[in-house]
Amino acid sequence: MEKNKKREDAKALISSVRNILFNDWDPLNVSGAMKTKDEYDYLIGKVIELLKQKPSLERIVEFLMEEEKGLGCIHDPKNTKNAASKLNLISDEM
């Protein structure tokens, strides 16, 4: 039973991070196309590892900005801060 709970918790965490990256952060502006829902999946593991470290909000913002730069995107501070705030809440619950 405990194994199933851990698996469900992991699935919920992955889903939460995916939704925040896709719906709130979305530096490539692809959230309008459902077929691109997995666009930022390559980052989920990195984000979860970061969140396990209980980073500051500023560190999460910095991480997302580094990723934006790597994607060649124009930084939108409002979206980045909003996504970082939501990720920070997840970190607090871990």
PDB file of N, CA and C in Angstrom:
ATOM      1  N   MET A   1       0.814  -1.194   0.000  1.00  0.00           N
ATOM      2  CA  MET A   1       0.000   0.000   0.000  1.00  0.00           C
ATOM      3  C   MET A   1       0.864   1.267   0.000  1.00  0.00           C
ATOM      4  N   GLU A   2       1.912   1.281   0.811  1.00  0.00           N
ATOM      5  CA  GLU A   2       2.813   2.436   0.896  1.00  0.00           C
ATOM      6  C   GLU A   2       3.474   2.715  -0.452  1.00  0.00           C
ATOM      7  N   LYS A   3       3.806   1.654  -1.179  1.00  0.00           N
ATOM      8  CA  LYS A   3       4.445   1.804  -2.486  1.00  0.00           C
ATOM      9  C   LYS A   3       3.514   2.532  -3.462  1.00  0.00           C
ATOM     10  N   ASN A   4       2.237   2.166  -3.428  1.00  0.00           N
ATOM     11  CA  ASN A   4       1.260   2.825  -4.301  1.00  0.00           C
ATOM     12  C   ASN A   4       1.103   4.295  -3.935  1.00  0.00           C
ATOM     13  N   LYS A   5       1.134   4.613  -2.657  1.00  0.00           N
ATOM     14  CA  LYS A   5       1.018   6.002  -2.200  1.00  0.00           C
ATOM     15  C   LYS A   5       2.191   6.827  -2.709  1.00  0.00           C
ATOM     16  N   LYS A   6       3.394   6.273  -2.597  1.00  0.00           N
ATOM     17  CA  LYS A   6       4.586   6.976  -3.084  1.00  0.00           C
ATOM     18  C   LYS A   6       4.508   7.186  -4.588  1.00  0.00           C
ATOM     19  N   ARG A   7       4.041   6.175  -5.311  1.00  0.00           N
ATOM     20  CA  ARG A   7       3.912   6.277  -6.768  1.00  0.00           C
ATOM     21  C   ARG A   7       2.894   7.359  -7.133  1.00  0.00           C
ATOM     22  N   GLU A   8       1.773   7.379  -6.435  1.00  0.00           N
ATOM     23  CA  GLU A   8       0.748   8.394  -6.691  1.00  0.00           C
ATOM     24  C   GLU A   8       1.262   9.790  -6.348  1.00  0.00           C
ATOM     25  N   ASP A   9       2.009   9.914  -5.246  1.00  0.00           N
ATOM     26  CA  ASP A   9       2.593  11.203  -4.872  1.00  0.00           C
ATOM     27  C   ASP A   9       3.575  11.683  -5.942  1.00  0.00           C
ATOM     28  N   ALA A  10       4.385  10.764  -6.449  1.00  0.00           N
ATOM     29  CA  ALA A  10       5.357  11.119  -7.497  1.00  0.00           C
ATOM     30  C   ALA A  10       4.638  11.565  -8.763  1.00  0.00           C
ATOM     31  N   LYS A  11       3.585  10.858  -9.131  1.00  0.00           N
ATOM     32  CA  LYS A  11       2.809  11.235 -10.320  1.00  0.00           C
ATOM     33  C   LYS A  11       2.178  12.609 -10.137  1.00  0.00           C
ATOM     34  N   ALA A  12       1.655  12.872  -8.945  1.00  0.00           N
ATOM     35  CA  ALA A  12       1.035  14.168  -8.674  1.00  0.00           C
ATOM     36  C   ALA A  12       2.075  15.286  -8.729  1.00  0.00           C
ATOM     37  N   LEU A  13       3.265  15.037  -8.193  1.00  0.00           N
ATOM     38  CA  LEU A  13       4.339  16.036  -8.223  1.00  0.00           C
ATOM     39  C   LEU A  13       4.741  16.344  -9.661  1.00  0.00           C
ATOM     40  N   ILE A  14       4.954  15.309 -10.451  1.00  0.00           N
ATOM     41  CA  ILE A  14       5.323  15.487 -11.856  1.00  0.00           C
ATOM     42  C   ILE A  14       4.238  16.265 -12.592  1.00  0.00           C
ATOM     43  N   SER A  15       2.991  15.907 -12.360  1.00  0.00           N
ATOM     44  CA  SER A  15       1.874  16.590 -13.011  1.00  0.00           C
ATOM     45  C   SER A  15       1.810  18.060 -12.611  1.00  0.00           C
ATOM     46  N   SER A  16       2.009  18.347 -11.341  1.00  0.00           N
ATOM     47  CA  SER A  16       1.984  19.733 -10.863  1.00  0.00           C
ATOM     48  C   SER A  16       3.084  20.567 -11.501  1.00  0.00           C
ATOM     49  N   VAL A  17       4.298  20.020 -11.524  1.00  0.00           N
ATOM     50  CA  VAL A  17       5.423  20.743 -12.122  1.00  0.00           C
ATOM     51  C   VAL A  17       5.175  20.941 -13.610  1.00  0.00           C
ATOM     52  N   ARG A  18       4.716  19.902 -14.297  1.00  0.00           N
ATOM     53  CA  ARG A  18       4.420  20.010 -15.735  1.00  0.00           C
ATOM     54  C   ARG A  18       3.402  21.124 -15.988  1.00  0.00           C
ATOM     55  N   ASN A  19       2.343  21.149 -15.209  1.00  0.00           N
ATOM     56  CA  ASN A  19       1.298  22.158 -15.407  1.00  0.00           C
ATOM     57  C   ASN A  19       1.812  23.568 -15.162  1.00  0.00           C
ATOM     58  N   ILE A  20       2.637  23.746 -14.149  1.00  0.00           N
ATOM     59  CA  ILE A  20       3.188  25.075 -13.872  1.00  0.00           C
ATOM     60  C   ILE A  20       4.111  25.515 -15.011  1.00  0.00           C
ATOM     61  N   LEU A  21       4.980  24.625 -15.462  1.00  0.00           N
ATOM     62  CA  LEU A  21       5.885  24.984 -16.558  1.00  0.00           C
ATOM     63  C   LEU A  21       5.110  25.323 -17.826  1.00  0.00           C
ATOM     64  N   PHE A  22       4.087  24.540 -18.121  1.00  0.00           N
ATOM     65  CA  PHE A  22       3.333  24.703 -19.365  1.00  0.00           C
ATOM     66  C   PHE A  22       2.346  25.872 -19.304  1.00  0.00           C
ATOM     67  N   ASN A  23       1.625  25.992 -18.206  1.00  0.00           N
ATOM     68  CA  ASN A  23       0.549  26.996 -18.129  1.00  0.00           C
ATOM     69  C   ASN A  23       0.988  28.340 -17.563  1.00  0.00           C
ATOM     70  N   ASP A  24       1.947  28.334 -16.658  1.00  0.00           N
ATOM     71  CA  ASP A  24       2.325  29.580 -15.993  1.00  0.00           C
ATOM     72  C   ASP A  24       3.623  30.171 -16.514  1.00  0.00           C
ATOM     73  N   TRP A  25       4.608  29.329 -16.732  1.00  0.00           N
ATOM     74  CA  TRP A  25       5.927  29.822 -17.167  1.00  0.00           C
ATOM     75  C   TRP A  25       5.911  30.016 -18.681  1.00  0.00           C
ATOM     76  N   ASP A  26       5.843  28.962 -19.451  1.00  0.00           N
ATOM     77  CA  ASP A  26       5.664  28.935 -20.909  1.00  0.00           C
ATOM     78  C   ASP A  26       6.426  30.008 -21.695  1.00  0.00           C
ATOM     79  N   PRO A  27       7.748  30.033 -21.611  1.00  0.00           N
ATOM     80  CA  PRO A  27       8.503  31.065 -22.327  1.00  0.00           C
ATOM     81  C   PRO A  27       8.419  30.946 -23.849  1.00  0.00           C
ATOM     82  N   LEU A  28       8.076  29.763 -24.358  1.00  0.00           N
ATOM     83  CA  LEU A  28       7.956  29.578 -25.804  1.00  0.00           C
ATOM     84  C   LEU A  28       6.544  29.906 -26.310  1.00  0.00           C
ATOM     85  N   ASN A  29       5.648  30.231 -25.367  1.00  0.00           N
ATOM     86  CA  ASN A  29       4.281  30.599 -25.719  1.00  0.00           C
ATOM     87  C   ASN A  29       3.576  29.507 -26.524  1.00  0.00           C
ATOM     88  N   VAL A  30       3.651  28.277 -26.006  1.00  0.00           N
ATOM     89  CA  VAL A  30       3.044  27.137 -26.696  1.00  0.00           C
ATOM     90  C   VAL A  30       1.817  26.588 -25.970  1.00  0.00           C
ATOM     91  N   SER A  31       1.437  27.195 -24.865  1.00  0.00           N
ATOM     92  CA  SER A  31       0.365  26.620 -24.049  1.00  0.00           C
ATOM     93  C   SER A  31      -0.992  26.568 -24.751  1.00  0.00           C
ATOM     94  N   GLY A  32      -1.161  27.298 -25.814  1.00  0.00           N
ATOM     95  CA  GLY A  32      -2.423  27.256 -26.542  1.00  0.00           C
ATOM     96  C   GLY A  32      -2.610  25.988 -27.367  1.00  0.00           C
ATOM     97  N   ALA A  33      -1.543  25.236 -27.570  1.00  0.00           N
ATOM     98  CA  ALA A  33      -1.616  24.014 -28.385  1.00  0.00           C
ATOM     99  C   ALA A  33      -1.441  22.787 -27.489  1.00  0.00           C
ATOM    100  N   MET A  34      -2.519  22.071 -27.267  1.00  0.00           N
ATOM    101  CA  MET A  34      -2.467  20.920 -26.362  1.00  0.00           C
ATOM    102  C   MET A  34      -1.469  19.854 -26.802  1.00  0.00           C
ATOM    103  N   LYS A  35      -1.193  19.760 -28.089  1.00  0.00           N
ATOM    104  CA  LYS A  35      -0.252  18.735 -28.544  1.00  0.00           C
ATOM    105  C   LYS A  35       1.181  19.039 -28.116  1.00  0.00           C
ATOM    106  N   THR A  36       1.407  20.231 -27.606  1.00  0.00           N
ATOM    107  CA  THR A  36       2.741  20.588 -27.116  1.00  0.00           C
ATOM    108  C   THR A  36       2.812  20.525 -25.588  1.00  0.00           C
ATOM    109  N   LYS A  37       1.858  19.877 -24.952  1.00  0.00           N
ATOM    110  CA  LYS A  37       1.776  19.794 -23.491  1.00  0.00           C
ATOM    111  C   LYS A  37       3.072  19.268 -22.867  1.00  0.00           C
ATOM    112  N   ASP A  38       3.830  18.478 -23.625  1.00  0.00           N
ATOM    113  CA  ASP A  38       5.077  17.903 -23.103  1.00  0.00           C
ATOM    114  C   ASP A  38       6.307  18.752 -23.448  1.00  0.00           C
ATOM    115  N   GLU A  39       6.108  19.947 -23.929  1.00  0.00           N
ATOM    116  CA  GLU A  39       7.205  20.809 -24.404  1.00  0.00           C
ATOM    117  C   GLU A  39       8.310  20.997 -23.367  1.00  0.00           C
ATOM    118  N   TYR A  40       7.948  21.114 -22.107  1.00  0.00           N
ATOM    119  CA  TYR A  40       8.936  21.388 -21.068  1.00  0.00           C
ATOM    120  C   TYR A  40       9.223  20.169 -20.186  1.00  0.00           C
ATOM    121  N   ASP A  41       8.795  18.997 -20.618  1.00  0.00           N
ATOM    122  CA  ASP A  41       8.992  17.781 -19.811  1.00  0.00           C
ATOM    123  C   ASP A  41      10.463  17.496 -19.525  1.00  0.00           C
ATOM    124  N   TYR A  42      11.344  17.914 -20.408  1.00  0.00           N
ATOM    125  CA  TYR A  42      12.773  17.668 -20.200  1.00  0.00           C
ATOM    126  C   TYR A  42      13.280  18.379 -18.946  1.00  0.00           C
ATOM    127  N   LEU A  43      12.540  19.361 -18.469  1.00  0.00           N
ATOM    128  CA  LEU A  43      12.946  20.133 -17.287  1.00  0.00           C
ATOM    129  C   LEU A  43      12.380  19.600 -15.978  1.00  0.00           C
ATOM    130  N   ILE A  44      11.397  18.729 -16.034  1.00  0.00           N
ATOM    131  CA  ILE A  44      10.702  18.301 -14.820  1.00  0.00           C
ATOM    132  C   ILE A  44      11.662  17.712 -13.795  1.00  0.00           C
ATOM    133  N   GLY A  45      12.545  16.831 -14.215  1.00  0.00           N
ATOM    134  CA  GLY A  45      13.499  16.218 -13.280  1.00  0.00           C
ATOM    135  C   GLY A  45      14.404  17.250 -12.638  1.00  0.00           C
ATOM    136  N   LYS A  46      14.896  18.191 -13.442  1.00  0.00           N
ATOM    137  CA  LYS A  46      15.758  19.252 -12.911  1.00  0.00           C
ATOM    138  C   LYS A  46      15.015  20.117 -11.898  1.00  0.00           C
ATOM    139  N   VAL A  47      13.784  20.436 -12.205  1.00  0.00           N
ATOM    140  CA  VAL A  47      12.983  21.272 -11.307  1.00  0.00           C
ATOM    141  C   VAL A  47      12.738  20.540  -9.992  1.00  0.00           C
ATOM    142  N   ILE A  48      12.383  19.273 -10.065  1.00  0.00           N
ATOM    143  CA  ILE A  48      12.123  18.504  -8.849  1.00  0.00           C
ATOM    144  C   ILE A  48      13.387  18.405  -7.995  1.00  0.00           C
ATOM    145  N   GLU A  49      14.519  18.170  -8.615  1.00  0.00           N
ATOM    146  CA  GLU A  49      15.781  18.125  -7.861  1.00  0.00           C
ATOM    147  C   GLU A  49      16.054  19.471  -7.191  1.00  0.00           C
ATOM    148  N   LEU A  50      15.791  20.545  -7.894  1.00  0.00           N
ATOM    149  CA  LEU A  50      15.963  21.878  -7.312  1.00  0.00           C
ATOM    150  C   LEU A  50      15.028  22.067  -6.124  1.00  0.00           C
ATOM    151  N   LEU A  51      13.766  21.676  -6.285  1.00  0.00           N
ATOM    152  CA  LEU A  51      12.779  21.872  -5.225  1.00  0.00           C
ATOM    153  C   LEU A  51      13.116  21.068  -3.978  1.00  0.00           C
ATOM    154  N   LYS A  52      13.723  19.918  -4.150  1.00  0.00           N
ATOM    155  CA  LYS A  52      14.137  19.092  -3.000  1.00  0.00           C
ATOM    156  C   LYS A  52      15.156  19.811  -2.131  1.00  0.00           C
ATOM    157  N   GLN A  53      15.873  20.763  -2.716  1.00  0.00           N
ATOM    158  CA  GLN A  53      16.899  21.520  -1.983  1.00  0.00           C
ATOM    159  C   GLN A  53      16.298  22.677  -1.189  1.00  0.00           C
ATOM    160  N   LYS A  54      14.976  22.823  -1.249  1.00  0.00           N
ATOM    161  CA  LYS A  54      14.286  23.923  -0.560  1.00  0.00           C
ATOM    162  C   LYS A  54      14.889  25.282  -0.924  1.00  0.00           C
ATOM    163  N   PRO A  55      14.951  25.591  -2.221  1.00  0.00           N
ATOM    164  CA  PRO A  55      15.580  26.843  -2.657  1.00  0.00           C
ATOM    165  C   PRO A  55      14.739  28.059  -2.302  1.00  0.00           C
ATOM    166  N   SER A  56      15.376  29.200  -2.295  1.00  0.00           N
ATOM    167  CA  SER A  56      14.649  30.453  -2.119  1.00  0.00           C
ATOM    168  C   SER A  56      13.858  30.737  -3.398  1.00  0.00           C
ATOM    169  N   LEU A  57      12.892  31.610  -3.276  1.00  0.00           N
ATOM    170  CA  LEU A  57      12.121  32.042  -4.442  1.00  0.00           C
ATOM    171  C   LEU A  57      13.061  32.637  -5.483  1.00  0.00           C
ATOM    172  N   GLU A  58      14.038  33.420  -5.030  1.00  0.00           N
ATOM    173  CA  GLU A  58      14.992  34.054  -5.944  1.00  0.00           C
ATOM    174  C   GLU A  58      15.789  33.008  -6.727  1.00  0.00           C
ATOM    175  N   ARG A  59      16.144  31.914  -6.057  1.00  0.00           N
ATOM    176  CA  ARG A  59      16.907  30.851  -6.738  1.00  0.00           C
ATOM    177  C   ARG A  59      16.057  30.175  -7.812  1.00  0.00           C
ATOM    178  N   ILE A  60      14.779  29.994  -7.534  1.00  0.00           N
ATOM    179  CA  ILE A  60      13.894  29.379  -8.537  1.00  0.00           C
ATOM    180  C   ILE A  60      13.730  30.320  -9.724  1.00  0.00           C
ATOM    181  N   VAL A  61      13.556  31.606  -9.452  1.00  0.00           N
ATOM    182  CA  VAL A  61      13.457  32.596 -10.533  1.00  0.00           C
ATOM    183  C   VAL A  61      14.741  32.553 -11.366  1.00  0.00           C
ATOM    184  N   GLU A  62      15.875  32.534 -10.703  1.00  0.00           N
ATOM    185  CA  GLU A  62      17.168  32.485 -11.397  1.00  0.00           C
ATOM    186  C   GLU A  62      17.277  31.239 -12.278  1.00  0.00           C
ATOM    187  N   PHE A  63      16.864  30.097 -11.749  1.00  0.00           N
ATOM    188  CA  PHE A  63      16.885  28.851 -12.511  1.00  0.00           C
ATOM    189  C   PHE A  63      16.025  28.976 -13.780  1.00  0.00           C
ATOM    190  N   LEU A  64      14.808  29.469 -13.623  1.00  0.00           N
ATOM    191  CA  LEU A  64      13.916  29.602 -14.782  1.00  0.00           C
ATOM    192  C   LEU A  64      14.472  30.593 -15.804  1.00  0.00           C
ATOM    193  N   MET A  65      15.064  31.673 -15.322  1.00  0.00           N
ATOM    194  CA  MET A  65      15.661  32.650 -16.243  1.00  0.00           C
ATOM    195  C   MET A  65      16.837  32.042 -17.009  1.00  0.00           C
ATOM    196  N   GLU A  66      17.630  31.203 -16.350  1.00  0.00           N
ATOM    197  CA  GLU A  66      18.728  30.511 -17.030  1.00  0.00           C
ATOM    198  C   GLU A  66      18.186  29.607 -18.129  1.00  0.00           C
ATOM    199  N   GLU A  67      17.090  28.925 -17.836  1.00  0.00           N
ATOM    200  CA  GLU A  67      16.471  28.053 -18.839  1.00  0.00           C
ATOM    201  C   GLU A  67      15.917  28.870 -19.999  1.00  0.00           C
ATOM    202  N   GLU A  68      15.316  30.004 -19.705  1.00  0.00           N
ATOM    203  CA  GLU A  68      14.807  30.880 -20.767  1.00  0.00           C
ATOM    204  C   GLU A  68      15.937  31.318 -21.680  1.00  0.00           C
ATOM    205  N   LYS A  69      17.030  31.689 -21.076  1.00  0.00           N
ATOM    206  CA  LYS A  69      18.193  32.116 -21.854  1.00  0.00           C
ATOM    207  C   LYS A  69      18.656  30.980 -22.767  1.00  0.00           C
ATOM    208  N   GLY A  70      18.682  29.769 -22.228  1.00  0.00           N
ATOM    209  CA  GLY A  70      19.077  28.606 -23.015  1.00  0.00           C
ATOM    210  C   GLY A  70      18.129  28.328 -24.173  1.00  0.00           C
ATOM    211  N   LEU A  71      16.872  28.680 -23.989  1.00  0.00           N
ATOM    212  CA  LEU A  71      15.876  28.504 -25.049  1.00  0.00           C
ATOM    213  C   LEU A  71      15.886  29.662 -26.040  1.00  0.00           C
ATOM    214  N   GLY A  72      16.641  30.715 -25.721  1.00  0.00           N
ATOM    215  CA  GLY A  72      16.683  31.893 -26.584  1.00  0.00           C
ATOM    216  C   GLY A  72      15.411  32.712 -26.501  1.00  0.00           C
ATOM    217  N   CYS A  73      14.761  32.674 -25.343  1.00  0.00           N
ATOM    218  CA  CYS A  73      13.490  33.377 -25.161  1.00  0.00           C
ATOM    219  C   CYS A  73      13.699  34.740 -24.524  1.00  0.00           C
ATOM    220  N   ILE A  74      12.739  35.591 -24.782  1.00  0.00           N
ATOM    221  CA  ILE A  74      12.710  36.889 -24.126  1.00  0.00           C
ATOM    222  C   ILE A  74      12.113  36.677 -22.740  1.00  0.00           C
ATOM    223  N   HIS A  75      12.789  37.181 -21.744  1.00  0.00           N
ATOM    224  CA  HIS A  75      12.380  37.007 -20.357  1.00  0.00           C
ATOM    225  C   HIS A  75      11.106  37.794 -20.060  1.00  0.00           C
ATOM    226  N   ASP A  76      10.099  37.118 -19.521  1.00  0.00           N
ATOM    227  CA  ASP A  76       8.881  37.777 -19.050  1.00  0.00           C
ATOM    228  C   ASP A  76       8.870  37.662 -17.533  1.00  0.00           C
ATOM    229  N   PRO A  77       9.305  38.701 -16.835  1.00  0.00           N
ATOM    230  CA  PRO A  77       9.452  38.620 -15.389  1.00  0.00           C
ATOM    231  C   PRO A  77       8.168  38.248 -14.656  1.00  0.00           C
ATOM    232  N   LYS A  78       7.027  38.676 -15.166  1.00  0.00           N
ATOM    233  CA  LYS A  78       5.748  38.375 -14.508  1.00  0.00           C
ATOM    234  C   LYS A  78       5.474  36.869 -14.534  1.00  0.00           C
ATOM    235  N   ASN A  79       5.591  36.258 -15.700  1.00  0.00           N
ATOM    236  CA  ASN A  79       5.358  34.811 -15.817  1.00  0.00           C
ATOM    237  C   ASN A  79       6.384  34.021 -15.022  1.00  0.00           C
ATOM    238  N   THR A  80       7.633  34.446 -15.095  1.00  0.00           N
ATOM    239  CA  THR A  80       8.699  33.730 -14.401  1.00  0.00           C
ATOM    240  C   THR A  80       8.476  33.778 -12.891  1.00  0.00           C
ATOM    241  N   LYS A  81       8.163  34.940 -12.372  1.00  0.00           N
ATOM    242  CA  LYS A  81       7.934  35.096 -10.927  1.00  0.00           C
ATOM    243  C   LYS A  81       6.705  34.317 -10.483  1.00  0.00           C
ATOM    244  N   ASN A  82       5.643  34.350 -11.287  1.00  0.00           N
ATOM    245  CA  ASN A  82       4.422  33.617 -10.973  1.00  0.00           C
ATOM    246  C   ASN A  82       4.698  32.108 -10.924  1.00  0.00           C
ATOM    247  N   ALA A  83       5.377  31.593 -11.930  1.00  0.00           N
ATOM    248  CA  ALA A  83       5.701  30.169 -11.960  1.00  0.00           C
ATOM    249  C   ALA A  83       6.620  29.811 -10.793  1.00  0.00           C
ATOM    250  N   ALA A  84       7.616  30.641 -10.532  1.00  0.00           N
ATOM    251  CA  ALA A  84       8.550  30.386  -9.433  1.00  0.00           C
ATOM    252  C   ALA A  84       7.816  30.366  -8.096  1.00  0.00           C
ATOM    253  N   SER A  85       6.856  31.251  -7.912  1.00  0.00           N
ATOM    254  CA  SER A  85       6.079  31.286  -6.667  1.00  0.00           C
ATOM    255  C   SER A  85       5.299  29.992  -6.468  1.00  0.00           C
ATOM    256  N   LYS A  86       4.704  29.506  -7.537  1.00  0.00           N
ATOM    257  CA  LYS A  86       3.946  28.248  -7.449  1.00  0.00           C
ATOM    258  C   LYS A  86       4.882  27.066  -7.191  1.00  0.00           C
ATOM    259  N   LEU A  87       6.036  27.052  -7.838  1.00  0.00           N
ATOM    260  CA  LEU A  87       7.013  25.985  -7.598  1.00  0.00           C
ATOM    261  C   LEU A  87       7.530  26.057  -6.164  1.00  0.00           C
ATOM    262  N   ASN A  88       7.696  27.259  -5.652  1.00  0.00           N
ATOM    263  CA  ASN A  88       8.160  27.442  -4.286  1.00  0.00           C
ATOM    264  C   ASN A  88       7.165  26.845  -3.290  1.00  0.00           C
ATOM    265  N   LEU A  89       5.879  26.993  -3.562  1.00  0.00           N
ATOM    266  CA  LEU A  89       4.855  26.396  -2.701  1.00  0.00           C
ATOM    267  C   LEU A  89       4.973  24.875  -2.683  1.00  0.00           C
ATOM    268  N   ILE A  90       5.245  24.295  -3.840  1.00  0.00           N
ATOM    269  CA  ILE A  90       5.441  22.842  -3.918  1.00  0.00           C
ATOM    270  C   ILE A  90       6.648  22.452  -3.082  1.00  0.00           C
ATOM    271  N   SER A  91       7.720  23.217  -3.195  1.00  0.00           N
ATOM    272  CA  SER A  91       8.926  22.942  -2.433  1.00  0.00           C
ATOM    273  C   SER A  91       8.654  22.949  -0.939  1.00  0.00           C
ATOM    274  N   ASP A  92       7.830  23.880  -0.491  1.00  0.00           N
ATOM    275  CA  ASP A  92       7.481  23.970   0.928  1.00  0.00           C
ATOM    276  C   ASP A  92       6.735  22.727   1.421  1.00  0.00           C
ATOM    277  N   GLU A  93       6.015  22.068   0.514  1.00  0.00           N
ATOM    278  CA  GLU A  93       5.214  20.895   0.873  1.00  0.00           C
ATOM    279  C   GLU A  93       5.993  19.583   0.773  1.00  0.00           C
ATOM    280  N   MET A  94       7.179  19.644   0.235  1.00  0.00           N
ATOM    281  CA  MET A  94       7.955  18.414   0.036  1.00  0.00           C
ATOM    282  C   MET A  94       8.655  18.008   1.323  1.00  0.00           C
TER     283      MET A  94
END
